[in-house]
Amino acid sequence: MSKPAVAAFRGRAYSDGMNPLHDAVWINEPRRHEITDHVVRIVTDPQTDLWQRSYYGFRNDNAPGLLLESAENFTFTVSVRFSYRRQFDQCGLLIYQDADSWFKASVEYESADFSRLGSVVTNHGHSDWATTDIDTPSEIRYRLSRRGPDFLVESSRDGGTDDGGFTQMRVFHLHCLGESTAEMGRSDPPLPPDRPVRFGVYACSPLDASFECVFDELRLESCLWESHAHEG
């Protein structure tokens, strides 16, 4: 079954607590959720997940995601508070083009002692998974930036702002969005993307469990990720 169309972001900056996902559209809509001018609240349904093939062999594609569509470069920032209950509970950022092309970033619950801060990039129907073990938090802040087909995801556990506090989780590429070029890497502002992308937030409980999470402090603006020419 095809996924529904999603609302479009066309360059408007959302700040001061406004919710850029207010008019976004669900994939795999959860039974319980709330969207206001300032927050997104999700209560996960049991046995929901996103994963494709690698290592485990199975294909899961039923996690709920709330998505905007953008044909522009952008930076999307969000905080999320959560009360995990079972192993593998997770919530965070999502880019979702189709079942074979997507990205997610989250804290995935292991125990009261530690969890895995990580991300999954799925290209050509195969998922990878990059993680680092951290003390289990109850909230975290993420920042996702797009430069064409390439992305930077960052996180902060101490209230990161535009001026600092975020640390890099990874730089990644989605093959379905086209090629990266040397000119793209040098350009500021970044060159216009060739293709639109669908992005937003997600939450899921792969086991027979459920938890609640609240996304707030959402901000959507022009891309803050500068070219590598600014490094050094």
C-alpha atoms as a PDB file:
ATOM      1  CA  MET A   1       0.000   0.000   0.000  1.00  0.00           C
ATOM      2  CA  SER A   2       1.386   3.419  -0.939  1.00  0.00           C
ATOM      3  CA  LYS A   3       2.249   5.943   1.755  1.00  0.00           C
ATOM      4  CA  PRO A   4       0.154   9.140   1.965  1.00  0.00           C
ATOM      5  CA  ALA A   5       1.333  12.447   0.589  1.00  0.00           C
ATOM      6  CA  VAL A   6       2.942  14.754   3.128  1.00  0.00           C
ATOM      7  CA  ALA A   7       2.719  18.445   3.900  1.00  0.00           C
ATOM      8  CA  ALA A   8       5.361  20.664   2.314  1.00  0.00           C
ATOM      9  CA  PHE A   9       7.963  22.968   3.881  1.00  0.00           C
ATOM     10  CA  ARG A  10       8.706  25.884   1.553  1.00  0.00           C
ATOM     11  CA  GLY A  11      11.374  27.853   3.343  1.00  0.00           C
ATOM     12  CA  ARG A  12       9.396  29.333   6.226  1.00  0.00           C
ATOM     13  CA  ALA A  13      11.358  29.575   9.477  1.00  0.00           C
ATOM     14  CA  TYR A  14       9.526  28.286  12.554  1.00  0.00           C
ATOM     15  CA  SER A  15      10.758  29.526  15.919  1.00  0.00           C
ATOM     16  CA  ASP A  16       9.530  30.835  19.271  1.00  0.00           C
ATOM     17  CA  GLY A  17       7.936  27.497  20.108  1.00  0.00           C
ATOM     18  CA  MET A  18       5.817  27.212  16.955  1.00  0.00           C
ATOM     19  CA  ASN A  19       5.377  23.638  15.790  1.00  0.00           C
ATOM     20  CA  PRO A  20       6.511  23.127  12.166  1.00  0.00           C
ATOM     21  CA  LEU A  21       4.935  19.653  12.274  1.00  0.00           C
ATOM     22  CA  HIS A  22       1.461  20.979  13.071  1.00  0.00           C
ATOM     23  CA  ASP A  23       0.315  20.309   9.495  1.00  0.00           C
ATOM     24  CA  ALA A  24       2.545  17.290   8.846  1.00  0.00           C
ATOM     25  CA  VAL A  25       1.107  13.932   7.811  1.00  0.00           C
ATOM     26  CA  TRP A  26       1.423  10.519   9.427  1.00  0.00           C
ATOM     27  CA  ILE A  27       2.781   7.319   8.030  1.00  0.00           C
ATOM     28  CA  ASN A  28       1.588   4.340  10.089  1.00  0.00           C
ATOM     29  CA  GLU A  29      -0.513   6.640  12.272  1.00  0.00           C
ATOM     30  CA  PRO A  30      -0.498   5.537  15.941  1.00  0.00           C
ATOM     31  CA  ARG A  31      -3.741   4.994  17.794  1.00  0.00           C
ATOM     32  CA  ARG A  32      -2.917   7.619  20.420  1.00  0.00           C
ATOM     33  CA  HIS A  33      -1.269  10.923  19.621  1.00  0.00           C
ATOM     34  CA  GLU A  34      -1.678  14.663  20.009  1.00  0.00           C
ATOM     35  CA  ILE A  35      -0.419  17.544  17.859  1.00  0.00           C
ATOM     36  CA  THR A  36      -0.665  21.119  19.171  1.00  0.00           C
ATOM     37  CA  ASP A  37       0.867  24.452  18.211  1.00  0.00           C
ATOM     38  CA  HIS A  38       3.869  23.603  20.380  1.00  0.00           C
ATOM     39  CA  VAL A  39       4.267  19.837  20.857  1.00  0.00           C
ATOM     40  CA  VAL A  40       3.827  16.410  19.332  1.00  0.00           C
ATOM     41  CA  ARG A  41       2.869  13.633  21.753  1.00  0.00           C
ATOM     42  CA  ILE A  42       3.006   9.964  20.730  1.00  0.00           C
ATOM     43  CA  VAL A  43       2.002   6.858  22.654  1.00  0.00           C
ATOM     44  CA  THR A  44       3.583   3.941  20.826  1.00  0.00           C
ATOM     45  CA  ASP A  45       1.757   0.846  19.683  1.00  0.00           C
ATOM     46  CA  PRO A  46       3.377  -2.532  20.498  1.00  0.00           C
ATOM     47  CA  GLN A  47       5.419  -4.400  17.881  1.00  0.00           C
ATOM     48  CA  THR A  48       6.234  -1.371  15.732  1.00  0.00           C
ATOM     49  CA  ASP A  49       9.666  -0.873  14.182  1.00  0.00           C
ATOM     50  CA  LEU A  50      11.782   0.178  11.196  1.00  0.00           C
ATOM     51  CA  TRP A  51      14.541  -2.139   9.920  1.00  0.00           C
ATOM     52  CA  GLN A  52      15.538  -3.659   6.589  1.00  0.00           C
ATOM     53  CA  ARG A  53      17.306  -7.001   6.161  1.00  0.00           C
ATOM     54  CA  SER A  54      20.877  -6.497   7.459  1.00  0.00           C
ATOM     55  CA  TYR A  55      22.093  -9.120   9.961  1.00  0.00           C
ATOM     56  CA  TYR A  56      18.632 -10.086  11.243  1.00  0.00           C
ATOM     57  CA  GLY A  57      17.098 -10.838   7.853  1.00  0.00           C
ATOM     58  CA  PHE A  58      13.654  -9.472   8.696  1.00  0.00           C
ATOM     59  CA  ARG A  59      11.935  -6.403   7.227  1.00  0.00           C
ATOM     60  CA  ASN A  60       9.948  -4.128   9.564  1.00  0.00           C
ATOM     61  CA  ASP A  61       8.186  -1.067   8.170  1.00  0.00           C
ATOM     62  CA  ASN A  62       5.349  -0.138  10.518  1.00  0.00           C
ATOM     63  CA  ALA A  63       6.743   2.528  12.882  1.00  0.00           C
ATOM     64  CA  PRO A  64       4.693   5.736  12.987  1.00  0.00           C
ATOM     65  CA  GLY A  65       6.313   8.864  11.595  1.00  0.00           C
ATOM     66  CA  LEU A  66       5.056  12.445  11.324  1.00  0.00           C
ATOM     67  CA  LEU A  67       6.531  13.944   8.141  1.00  0.00           C
ATOM     68  CA  LEU A  68       6.956  17.152   6.193  1.00  0.00           C
ATOM     69  CA  GLU A  69       8.236  17.288   2.630  1.00  0.00           C
ATOM     70  CA  SER A  70      10.956  19.741   1.585  1.00  0.00           C
ATOM     71  CA  ALA A  71      12.609  20.454  -1.747  1.00  0.00           C
ATOM     72  CA  GLU A  72      15.042  22.797   0.028  1.00  0.00           C
ATOM     73  CA  ASN A  73      18.060  22.586   2.296  1.00  0.00           C
ATOM     74  CA  PHE A  74      17.191  23.050   5.981  1.00  0.00           C
ATOM     75  CA  THR A  75      18.085  22.568   9.628  1.00  0.00           C
ATOM     76  CA  PHE A  76      15.479  20.894  11.842  1.00  0.00           C
ATOM     77  CA  THR A  77      15.909  20.947  15.637  1.00  0.00           C
ATOM     78  CA  VAL A  78      13.766  19.171  18.214  1.00  0.00           C
ATOM     79  CA  SER A  79      13.811  18.086  21.859  1.00  0.00           C
ATOM     80  CA  VAL A  80      12.135  14.890  23.011  1.00  0.00           C
ATOM     81  CA  ARG A  81      11.170  13.625  26.477  1.00  0.00           C
ATOM     82  CA  PHE A  82      10.350   9.945  26.956  1.00  0.00           C
ATOM     83  CA  SER A  83       9.554   7.279  29.525  1.00  0.00           C
ATOM     84  CA  TYR A  84      10.877   4.020  28.071  1.00  0.00           C
ATOM     85  CA  ARG A  85       9.591   0.712  29.470  1.00  0.00           C
ATOM     86  CA  ARG A  86      10.981  -2.177  27.445  1.00  0.00           C
ATOM     87  CA  GLN A  87      14.144  -3.034  25.552  1.00  0.00           C
ATOM     88  CA  PHE A  88      14.374  -1.441  22.089  1.00  0.00           C
ATOM     89  CA  ASP A  89      11.848   1.355  22.836  1.00  0.00           C
ATOM     90  CA  GLN A  90      12.971   4.369  20.766  1.00  0.00           C
ATOM     91  CA  CYS A  91      11.971   7.828  19.513  1.00  0.00           C
ATOM     92  CA  GLY A  92      13.688  10.583  17.585  1.00  0.00           C
ATOM     93  CA  LEU A  93      14.299  11.902  14.076  1.00  0.00           C
ATOM     94  CA  LEU A  94      13.118  10.289  10.855  1.00  0.00           C
ATOM     95  CA  ILE A  95      13.723  10.735   7.132  1.00  0.00           C
ATOM     96  CA  TYR A  96      11.487   8.403   5.151  1.00  0.00           C
ATOM     97  CA  GLN A  97      11.403   8.205   1.358  1.00  0.00           C
ATOM     98  CA  ASP A  98      10.163   4.612   1.088  1.00  0.00           C
ATOM     99  CA  ALA A  99      10.757   1.239   2.741  1.00  0.00           C
ATOM    100  CA  ASP A 100      14.183   0.916   1.101  1.00  0.00           C
ATOM    101  CA  SER A 101      15.456   4.476   1.669  1.00  0.00           C
ATOM    102  CA  TRP A 102      15.293   6.102   5.090  1.00  0.00           C
ATOM    103  CA  PHE A 103      17.155   7.306   8.200  1.00  0.00           C
ATOM    104  CA  LYS A 104      16.381   7.393  11.911  1.00  0.00           C
ATOM    105  CA  ALA A 105      18.213   8.691  14.985  1.00  0.00           C
ATOM    106  CA  SER A 106      17.250   7.912  18.567  1.00  0.00           C
ATOM    107  CA  VAL A 107      18.175   6.688  22.007  1.00  0.00           C
ATOM    108  CA  GLU A 108      17.275   2.998  21.972  1.00  0.00           C
ATOM    109  CA  TYR A 109      16.495   1.573  25.394  1.00  0.00           C
ATOM    110  CA  GLU A 110      18.473  -1.343  26.793  1.00  0.00           C
ATOM    111  CA  SER A 111      18.053  -1.051  30.565  1.00  0.00           C
ATOM    112  CA  ALA A 112      17.794   1.466  33.392  1.00  0.00           C
ATOM    113  CA  ASP A 113      21.604   1.519  33.396  1.00  0.00           C
ATOM    114  CA  PHE A 114      22.400   2.187  29.745  1.00  0.00           C
ATOM    115  CA  SER A 115      20.928   2.741  26.310  1.00  0.00           C
ATOM    116  CA  ARG A 116      22.288   3.129  22.775  1.00  0.00           C
ATOM    117  CA  LEU A 117      22.458   6.571  21.217  1.00  0.00           C
ATOM    118  CA  GLY A 118      22.599   5.864  17.526  1.00  0.00           C
ATOM    119  CA  SER A 119      21.301   6.094  14.015  1.00  0.00           C
ATOM    120  CA  VAL A 120      20.278   3.844  11.156  1.00  0.00           C
ATOM    121  CA  VAL A 121      20.763   4.664   7.483  1.00  0.00           C
ATOM    122  CA  THR A 122      18.962   2.460   4.978  1.00  0.00           C
ATOM    123  CA  ASN A 123      20.061   2.536   1.333  1.00  0.00           C
ATOM    124  CA  HIS A 124      18.942   0.072  -1.347  1.00  0.00           C
ATOM    125  CA  GLY A 125      16.848  -1.836   1.194  1.00  0.00           C
ATOM    126  CA  HIS A 126      19.637  -2.629   3.677  1.00  0.00           C
ATOM    127  CA  SER A 127      19.988  -0.934   7.082  1.00  0.00           C
ATOM    128  CA  ASP A 128      23.175  -0.128   8.964  1.00  0.00           C
ATOM    129  CA  TRP A 129      23.340   0.750  12.670  1.00  0.00           C
ATOM    130  CA  ALA A 130      25.899   3.011  14.366  1.00  0.00           C
ATOM    131  CA  THR A 131      25.687   3.440  18.154  1.00  0.00           C
ATOM    132  CA  THR A 132      27.456   4.490  21.303  1.00  0.00           C
ATOM    133  CA  ASP A 133      26.447   3.356  24.805  1.00  0.00           C
ATOM    134  CA  ILE A 134      25.273   6.119  27.165  1.00  0.00           C
ATOM    135  CA  ASP A 135      23.606   6.392  30.564  1.00  0.00           C
ATOM    136  CA  THR A 136      19.871   6.091  29.976  1.00  0.00           C
ATOM    137  CA  PRO A 137      18.434   9.637  29.768  1.00  0.00           C
ATOM    138  CA  SER A 138      14.841  10.831  29.903  1.00  0.00           C
ATOM    139  CA  GLU A 139      15.285  13.562  27.293  1.00  0.00           C
ATOM    140  CA  ILE A 140      17.608  14.595  24.459  1.00  0.00           C
ATOM    141  CA  ARG A 141      17.867  17.232  21.757  1.00  0.00           C
ATOM    142  CA  TYR A 142      18.574  16.563  18.059  1.00  0.00           C
ATOM    143  CA  ARG A 143      19.554  18.706  15.088  1.00  0.00           C
ATOM    144  CA  LEU A 144      19.319  17.511  11.474  1.00  0.00           C
ATOM    145  CA  SER A 145      20.773  19.519   8.576  1.00  0.00           C
ATOM    146  CA  ARG A 146      20.438  18.884   4.856  1.00  0.00           C
ATOM    147  CA  ARG A 147      22.838  19.786   2.035  1.00  0.00           C
ATOM    148  CA  GLY A 148      21.313  18.196  -1.079  1.00  0.00           C
ATOM    149  CA  PRO A 149      21.567  14.395  -0.795  1.00  0.00           C
ATOM    150  CA  ASP A 150      23.821  14.644   2.287  1.00  0.00           C
ATOM    151  CA  PHE A 151      22.906  15.136   5.939  1.00  0.00           C
ATOM    152  CA  LEU A 152      24.455  15.941   9.315  1.00  0.00           C
ATOM    153  CA  VAL A 153      22.788  14.698  12.498  1.00  0.00           C
ATOM    154  CA  GLU A 154      23.826  16.053  15.901  1.00  0.00           C
ATOM    155  CA  SER A 155      22.632  15.582  19.467  1.00  0.00           C
ATOM    156  CA  SER A 156      22.848  17.271  22.833  1.00  0.00           C
ATOM    157  CA  ARG A 157      22.059  16.005  26.306  1.00  0.00           C
ATOM    158  CA  ASP A 158      22.667  19.383  27.962  1.00  0.00           C
ATOM    159  CA  GLY A 159      20.326  21.757  26.153  1.00  0.00           C
ATOM    160  CA  GLY A 160      22.228  22.454  22.944  1.00  0.00           C
ATOM    161  CA  THR A 161      21.515  25.715  21.151  1.00  0.00           C
ATOM    162  CA  ASP A 162      22.322  27.117  17.736  1.00  0.00           C
ATOM    163  CA  ASP A 163      25.508  28.540  19.268  1.00  0.00           C
ATOM    164  CA  GLY A 164      26.844  25.289  20.666  1.00  0.00           C
ATOM    165  CA  GLY A 165      26.259  22.221  22.809  1.00  0.00           C
ATOM    166  CA  PHE A 166      25.602  19.836  19.917  1.00  0.00           C
ATOM    167  CA  THR A 167      27.996  17.021  19.044  1.00  0.00           C
ATOM    168  CA  GLN A 168      28.138  15.209  15.722  1.00  0.00           C
ATOM    169  CA  MET A 169      26.569  11.768  15.516  1.00  0.00           C
ATOM    170  CA  ARG A 170      27.255  11.158  11.835  1.00  0.00           C
ATOM    171  CA  VAL A 171      27.354  12.517   8.296  1.00  0.00           C
ATOM    172  CA  PHE A 172      25.452  10.362   5.817  1.00  0.00           C
ATOM    173  CA  HIS A 173      24.147  10.136   2.255  1.00  0.00           C
ATOM    174  CA  LEU A 174      20.838   8.887   0.881  1.00  0.00           C
ATOM    175  CA  HIS A 175      21.430   7.378  -2.557  1.00  0.00           C
ATOM    176  CA  CYS A 176      17.849   7.943  -3.718  1.00  0.00           C
ATOM    177  CA  LEU A 177      18.411  11.717  -3.539  1.00  0.00           C
ATOM    178  CA  GLY A 178      21.190  11.791  -6.137  1.00  0.00           C
ATOM    179  CA  GLU A 179      24.955  12.206  -6.255  1.00  0.00           C
ATOM    180  CA  SER A 180      27.262  14.363  -4.132  1.00  0.00           C
ATOM    181  CA  THR A 181      29.727  16.534  -6.026  1.00  0.00           C
ATOM    182  CA  ALA A 182      32.817  18.576  -5.185  1.00  0.00           C
ATOM    183  CA  GLU A 183      30.914  21.747  -6.101  1.00  0.00           C
ATOM    184  CA  MET A 184      28.228  20.859  -3.556  1.00  0.00           C
ATOM    185  CA  GLY A 185      30.866  20.424  -0.895  1.00  0.00           C
ATOM    186  CA  ARG A 186      32.339  23.895  -1.527  1.00  0.00           C
ATOM    187  CA  SER A 187      29.134  25.888  -1.903  1.00  0.00           C
ATOM    188  CA  ASP A 188      27.692  28.289   0.682  1.00  0.00           C
ATOM    189  CA  PRO A 189      24.788  28.546   0.805  1.00  0.00           C
ATOM    190  CA  PRO A 190      24.409  24.922  -0.325  1.00  0.00           C
ATOM    191  CA  LEU A 191      23.253  24.273  -3.875  1.00  0.00           C
ATOM    192  CA  PRO A 192      19.520  23.610  -4.294  1.00  0.00           C
ATOM    193  CA  PRO A 193      18.632  19.915  -3.955  1.00  0.00           C
ATOM    194  CA  ASP A 194      17.586  17.905  -6.990  1.00  0.00           C
ATOM    195  CA  ARG A 195      14.820  16.026  -5.167  1.00  0.00           C
ATOM    196  CA  PRO A 196      12.478  16.544  -2.215  1.00  0.00           C
ATOM    197  CA  VAL A 197      12.878  14.696   1.086  1.00  0.00           C
ATOM    198  CA  ARG A 198      10.343  13.675   3.738  1.00  0.00           C
ATOM    199  CA  PHE A 199      11.447  14.260   7.328  1.00  0.00           C
ATOM    200  CA  GLY A 200      10.114  14.607  10.855  1.00  0.00           C
ATOM    201  CA  VAL A 201       9.841  12.526  14.036  1.00  0.00           C
ATOM    202  CA  TYR A 202       8.994   8.940  14.934  1.00  0.00           C
ATOM    203  CA  ALA A 203       8.519   6.620  17.910  1.00  0.00           C
ATOM    204  CA  CYS A 204       8.110   2.860  18.172  1.00  0.00           C
ATOM    205  CA  SER A 205       8.142  -0.171  20.483  1.00  0.00           C
ATOM    206  CA  PRO A 206       9.451  -3.291  18.709  1.00  0.00           C
ATOM    207  CA  LEU A 207       8.419  -5.610  21.561  1.00  0.00           C
ATOM    208  CA  ASP A 208       5.034  -6.076  23.232  1.00  0.00           C
ATOM    209  CA  ALA A 209       5.217  -2.715  24.997  1.00  0.00           C
ATOM    210  CA  SER A 210       4.148   0.916  24.848  1.00  0.00           C
ATOM    211  CA  PHE A 211       5.527   4.232  26.097  1.00  0.00           C
ATOM    212  CA  GLU A 212       4.827   7.955  25.798  1.00  0.00           C
ATOM    213  CA  CYS A 213       7.096  10.618  24.342  1.00  0.00           C
ATOM    214  CA  VAL A 214       6.716  14.363  23.815  1.00  0.00           C
ATOM    215  CA  PHE A 215       8.532  16.362  21.117  1.00  0.00           C
ATOM    216  CA  ASP A 216       8.852  20.087  21.745  1.00  0.00           C
ATOM    217  CA  GLU A 217      11.175  23.065  21.143  1.00  0.00           C
ATOM    218  CA  LEU A 218      10.795  22.347  17.436  1.00  0.00           C
ATOM    219  CA  ARG A 219      12.571  24.650  15.007  1.00  0.00           C
ATOM    220  CA  LEU A 220      12.809  24.578  11.200  1.00  0.00           C
ATOM    221  CA  GLU A 221      15.021  27.035   9.341  1.00  0.00           C
ATOM    222  CA  SER A 222      17.469  27.460   6.484  1.00  0.00           C
ATOM    223  CA  CYS A 223      20.511  25.162   6.567  1.00  0.00           C
ATOM    224  CA  LEU A 224      23.069  25.992   9.301  1.00  0.00           C
ATOM    225  CA  TRP A 225      25.559  23.346   8.134  1.00  0.00           C
ATOM    226  CA  GLU A 226      28.370  25.168   6.373  1.00  0.00           C
ATOM    227  CA  SER A 227      30.615  23.745   3.677  1.00  0.00           C
ATOM    228  CA  HIS A 228      33.899  22.091   4.586  1.00  0.00           C
ATOM    229  CA  ALA A 229      35.667  25.209   3.258  1.00  0.00           C
ATOM    230  CA  HIS A 230      34.857  26.774   6.638  1.00  0.00           C
ATOM    231  CA  GLU A 231      36.653  24.035   8.583  1.00  0.00           C
ATOM    232  CA  GLY A 232      40.155  24.338   9.966  1.00  0.00           C
END
